């Protein structure tokens, strides 16, 4: 009997502060960022990119890193974005 596939982690960032009519969407391996003002979307993107880079240096990805580790890294980079 085949083993069920394990769901891969996927990070979803949602910006709710856009007041213009621009549709901002950024996708990468293991994440999707949607919406937000230009400033908010840029901050979300920078935060996720720094998090992915940290994980890569540790030999991990968003797909296989524990949720707690991803959360901690996002918080770490949130203030520096």
N, C-alpha and C. Protein backbone atom coordinates (compact mmCIF):
# COMPACT_ATOMS: atom_id res chain seq x y z
N UNK A 1 0.84 -1.17 0.00
CA UNK A 1 0.00 0.00 0.00
C UNK A 1 0.89 1.25 0.00
N UNK A 2 0.57 2.21 -0.83
CA UNK A 2 1.37 3.43 -0.94
C UNK A 2 1.16 4.33 0.28
N UNK A 3 2.25 4.93 0.70
CA UNK A 3 2.16 5.86 1.82
C UNK A 3 1.52 7.16 1.34
N UNK A 4 0.70 7.77 2.17
CA UNK A 4 0.12 9.05 1.77
C UNK A 4 1.22 10.11 1.70
N UNK A 5 1.09 11.01 0.74
CA UNK A 5 2.07 12.07 0.60
C UNK A 5 1.92 13.06 1.75
N UNK A 6 3.06 13.49 2.25
CA UNK A 6 3.07 14.49 3.31
C UNK A 6 2.91 15.86 2.68
N UNK A 7 2.01 16.65 3.21
CA UNK A 7 1.81 17.99 2.68
C UNK A 7 3.06 18.83 2.92
N UNK A 8 3.43 19.59 1.93
CA UNK A 8 4.59 20.48 2.07
C UNK A 8 4.13 21.78 2.71
N UNK A 9 5.02 22.36 3.51
CA UNK A 9 4.73 23.66 4.10
C UNK A 9 4.69 24.70 2.99
N UNK A 10 3.78 25.64 3.13
CA UNK A 10 3.71 26.76 2.19
C UNK A 10 3.37 28.00 3.00
N UNK A 11 4.18 29.00 2.88
CA UNK A 11 4.00 30.25 3.62
C UNK A 11 3.15 31.20 2.77
N UNK A 12 2.10 31.74 3.37
CA UNK A 12 1.23 32.70 2.69
C UNK A 12 1.27 34.01 3.44
N UNK A 13 1.68 35.07 2.75
CA UNK A 13 1.68 36.41 3.33
C UNK A 13 0.57 37.22 2.70
N UNK A 14 -0.21 37.88 3.51
CA UNK A 14 -1.36 38.63 3.02
C UNK A 14 -1.29 40.06 3.55
N UNK A 15 -1.17 41.03 2.66
CA UNK A 15 -1.16 42.44 3.04
C UNK A 15 -2.55 43.02 2.84
N UNK A 16 -3.05 43.68 3.85
CA UNK A 16 -4.43 44.18 3.79
C UNK A 16 -4.53 45.70 3.74
N UNK A 17 -3.42 46.39 3.58
CA UNK A 17 -3.46 47.84 3.70
C UNK A 17 -3.42 48.60 2.37
N UNK A 18 -3.56 47.92 1.25
CA UNK A 18 -3.48 48.60 -0.05
C UNK A 18 -4.68 49.51 -0.24
N UNK A 19 -4.41 50.75 -0.63
CA UNK A 19 -5.50 51.67 -0.91
C UNK A 19 -5.54 52.04 -2.39
N UNK A 20 -4.58 51.53 -3.14
CA UNK A 20 -4.62 51.73 -4.58
C UNK A 20 -5.22 50.47 -5.21
N UNK A 21 -5.30 50.45 -6.48
CA UNK A 21 -5.92 49.30 -7.16
C UNK A 21 -4.88 48.33 -7.75
N UNK A 22 -3.65 48.45 -7.31
CA UNK A 22 -2.61 47.56 -7.79
C UNK A 22 -2.79 46.16 -7.19
N UNK A 23 -2.51 45.15 -8.01
CA UNK A 23 -2.53 43.77 -7.54
C UNK A 23 -1.09 43.31 -7.43
N UNK A 24 -0.65 43.14 -6.19
CA UNK A 24 0.73 42.74 -5.95
C UNK A 24 0.77 41.27 -5.56
N UNK A 25 1.52 40.50 -6.32
CA UNK A 25 1.66 39.07 -6.05
C UNK A 25 3.12 38.71 -6.26
N UNK A 26 3.71 38.07 -5.27
CA UNK A 26 5.08 37.57 -5.37
C UNK A 26 5.05 36.11 -4.96
N UNK A 27 5.61 35.27 -5.80
CA UNK A 27 5.66 33.83 -5.51
C UNK A 27 7.10 33.36 -5.57
N UNK A 28 7.37 32.40 -4.73
CA UNK A 28 8.68 31.77 -4.73
C UNK A 28 8.51 30.34 -4.27
N UNK A 29 9.60 29.64 -4.20
CA UNK A 29 9.54 28.25 -3.78
C UNK A 29 9.13 28.19 -2.31
N UNK A 30 7.92 27.75 -2.07
CA UNK A 30 7.44 27.58 -0.71
C UNK A 30 6.70 28.78 -0.14
N UNK A 31 6.50 29.85 -0.93
CA UNK A 31 5.78 30.99 -0.40
C UNK A 31 5.01 31.75 -1.48
N UNK A 32 3.96 32.43 -1.05
CA UNK A 32 3.19 33.34 -1.88
C UNK A 32 2.87 34.56 -1.05
N UNK A 33 3.08 35.75 -1.62
CA UNK A 33 2.76 37.00 -0.94
C UNK A 33 1.75 37.73 -1.81
N UNK A 34 0.66 38.17 -1.18
CA UNK A 34 -0.44 38.77 -1.93
C UNK A 34 -0.88 40.06 -1.26
N UNK A 35 -1.06 41.09 -2.07
CA UNK A 35 -1.67 42.32 -1.60
C UNK A 35 -0.74 43.23 -0.84
N UNK A 36 -1.34 44.19 -0.20
CA UNK A 36 -0.61 45.18 0.58
C UNK A 36 -0.23 46.39 -0.25
N UNK A 37 0.07 47.46 0.44
CA UNK A 37 0.60 48.64 -0.24
C UNK A 37 1.98 48.29 -0.79
N UNK A 38 2.53 49.17 -1.61
CA UNK A 38 3.87 48.91 -2.15
C UNK A 38 4.87 48.72 -1.02
N UNK A 39 4.79 49.57 0.00
CA UNK A 39 5.71 49.47 1.13
C UNK A 39 5.54 48.16 1.89
N UNK A 40 4.31 47.80 2.19
CA UNK A 40 4.03 46.56 2.93
C UNK A 40 4.49 45.35 2.13
N UNK A 41 4.18 45.33 0.85
CA UNK A 41 4.55 44.18 0.02
C UNK A 41 6.07 44.05 -0.06
N UNK A 42 6.76 45.17 -0.19
CA UNK A 42 8.23 45.14 -0.21
C UNK A 42 8.79 44.60 1.10
N UNK A 43 8.21 45.02 2.22
CA UNK A 43 8.68 44.53 3.53
C UNK A 43 8.43 43.03 3.68
N UNK A 44 7.25 42.57 3.26
CA UNK A 44 6.95 41.14 3.33
C UNK A 44 7.96 40.36 2.48
N UNK A 45 8.22 40.86 1.28
CA UNK A 45 9.14 40.18 0.37
C UNK A 45 10.54 40.11 0.96
N UNK A 46 11.03 41.22 1.47
CA UNK A 46 12.37 41.24 2.05
C UNK A 46 12.47 40.31 3.26
N UNK A 47 11.45 40.29 4.09
CA UNK A 47 11.43 39.42 5.27
C UNK A 47 11.50 37.96 4.87
N UNK A 48 10.71 37.57 3.89
CA UNK A 48 10.69 36.16 3.46
C UNK A 48 12.01 35.79 2.78
N UNK A 49 12.54 36.67 1.96
CA UNK A 49 13.81 36.37 1.28
C UNK A 49 14.93 36.15 2.30
N UNK A 50 15.01 37.02 3.31
CA UNK A 50 16.03 36.84 4.35
C UNK A 50 15.83 35.54 5.11
N UNK A 51 14.59 35.18 5.36
CA UNK A 51 14.28 33.92 6.05
C UNK A 51 14.71 32.73 5.21
N UNK A 52 14.38 32.75 3.93
CA UNK A 52 14.77 31.66 3.03
C UNK A 52 16.28 31.54 2.95
N UNK A 53 16.99 32.68 2.90
CA UNK A 53 18.45 32.65 2.86
C UNK A 53 19.03 32.03 4.13
N UNK A 54 18.48 32.39 5.29
CA UNK A 54 18.94 31.78 6.55
C UNK A 54 18.72 30.27 6.54
N UNK A 55 17.56 29.86 6.10
CA UNK A 55 17.26 28.42 6.04
C UNK A 55 18.21 27.71 5.09
N UNK A 56 18.47 28.31 3.95
CA UNK A 56 19.37 27.70 2.96
C UNK A 56 20.77 27.51 3.53
N UNK A 57 21.25 28.50 4.30
CA UNK A 57 22.57 28.37 4.94
C UNK A 57 22.60 27.21 5.92
N UNK A 58 21.43 26.86 6.46
CA UNK A 58 21.33 25.75 7.42
C UNK A 58 20.99 24.43 6.72
N UNK A 59 20.94 24.46 5.38
CA UNK A 59 20.64 23.25 4.62
C UNK A 59 19.16 22.88 4.63
N UNK A 60 18.30 23.86 4.83
CA UNK A 60 16.86 23.61 4.89
C UNK A 60 16.15 24.49 3.88
N UNK A 61 14.84 24.25 3.78
CA UNK A 61 13.99 25.08 2.94
C UNK A 61 12.68 25.31 3.68
N UNK A 62 11.85 26.18 3.14
CA UNK A 62 10.53 26.39 3.75
C UNK A 62 9.72 25.10 3.78
N UNK A 63 9.99 24.22 2.81
CA UNK A 63 9.24 22.96 2.72
C UNK A 63 9.54 22.00 3.86
N UNK A 64 10.77 21.98 4.33
CA UNK A 64 11.12 20.97 5.32
C UNK A 64 11.49 21.51 6.70
N UNK A 65 11.50 22.81 6.85
CA UNK A 65 11.84 23.39 8.16
C UNK A 65 10.63 23.31 9.10
N UNK A 66 10.89 23.08 10.37
CA UNK A 66 9.79 23.08 11.34
C UNK A 66 9.12 24.45 11.40
N UNK A 67 7.82 24.46 11.57
CA UNK A 67 7.06 25.71 11.60
C UNK A 67 7.60 26.69 12.64
N UNK A 68 8.03 26.16 13.78
CA UNK A 68 8.56 27.03 14.84
C UNK A 68 9.82 27.76 14.38
N UNK A 69 10.68 27.06 13.65
CA UNK A 69 11.91 27.66 13.16
C UNK A 69 11.59 28.76 12.14
N UNK A 70 10.66 28.50 11.25
CA UNK A 70 10.26 29.49 10.25
C UNK A 70 9.67 30.71 10.95
N UNK A 71 8.81 30.48 11.92
CA UNK A 71 8.19 31.57 12.68
C UNK A 71 9.26 32.44 13.35
N UNK A 72 10.21 31.79 14.00
CA UNK A 72 11.27 32.53 14.71
C UNK A 72 12.11 33.37 13.73
N UNK A 73 12.43 32.80 12.58
CA UNK A 73 13.22 33.53 11.60
C UNK A 73 12.43 34.70 11.01
N UNK A 74 11.15 34.49 10.76
CA UNK A 74 10.32 35.58 10.24
C UNK A 74 10.27 36.73 11.23
N UNK A 75 10.11 36.41 12.49
CA UNK A 75 10.09 37.46 13.52
C UNK A 75 11.43 38.18 13.62
N UNK A 76 12.51 37.42 13.48
CA UNK A 76 13.85 38.00 13.53
C UNK A 76 14.03 39.02 12.41
N UNK A 77 13.58 38.68 11.22
CA UNK A 77 13.79 39.53 10.05
C UNK A 77 12.70 40.58 9.86
N UNK A 78 11.60 40.42 10.53
CA UNK A 78 10.48 41.36 10.39
C UNK A 78 10.91 42.78 10.75
N UNK A 79 11.68 42.92 11.81
CA UNK A 79 12.10 44.24 12.26
C UNK A 79 13.20 44.84 11.41
N UNK A 80 13.92 43.99 10.67
CA UNK A 80 15.04 44.51 9.88
C UNK A 80 14.65 44.80 8.44
N UNK A 81 13.42 44.50 8.10
CA UNK A 81 12.97 44.73 6.71
C UNK A 81 12.57 46.18 6.51
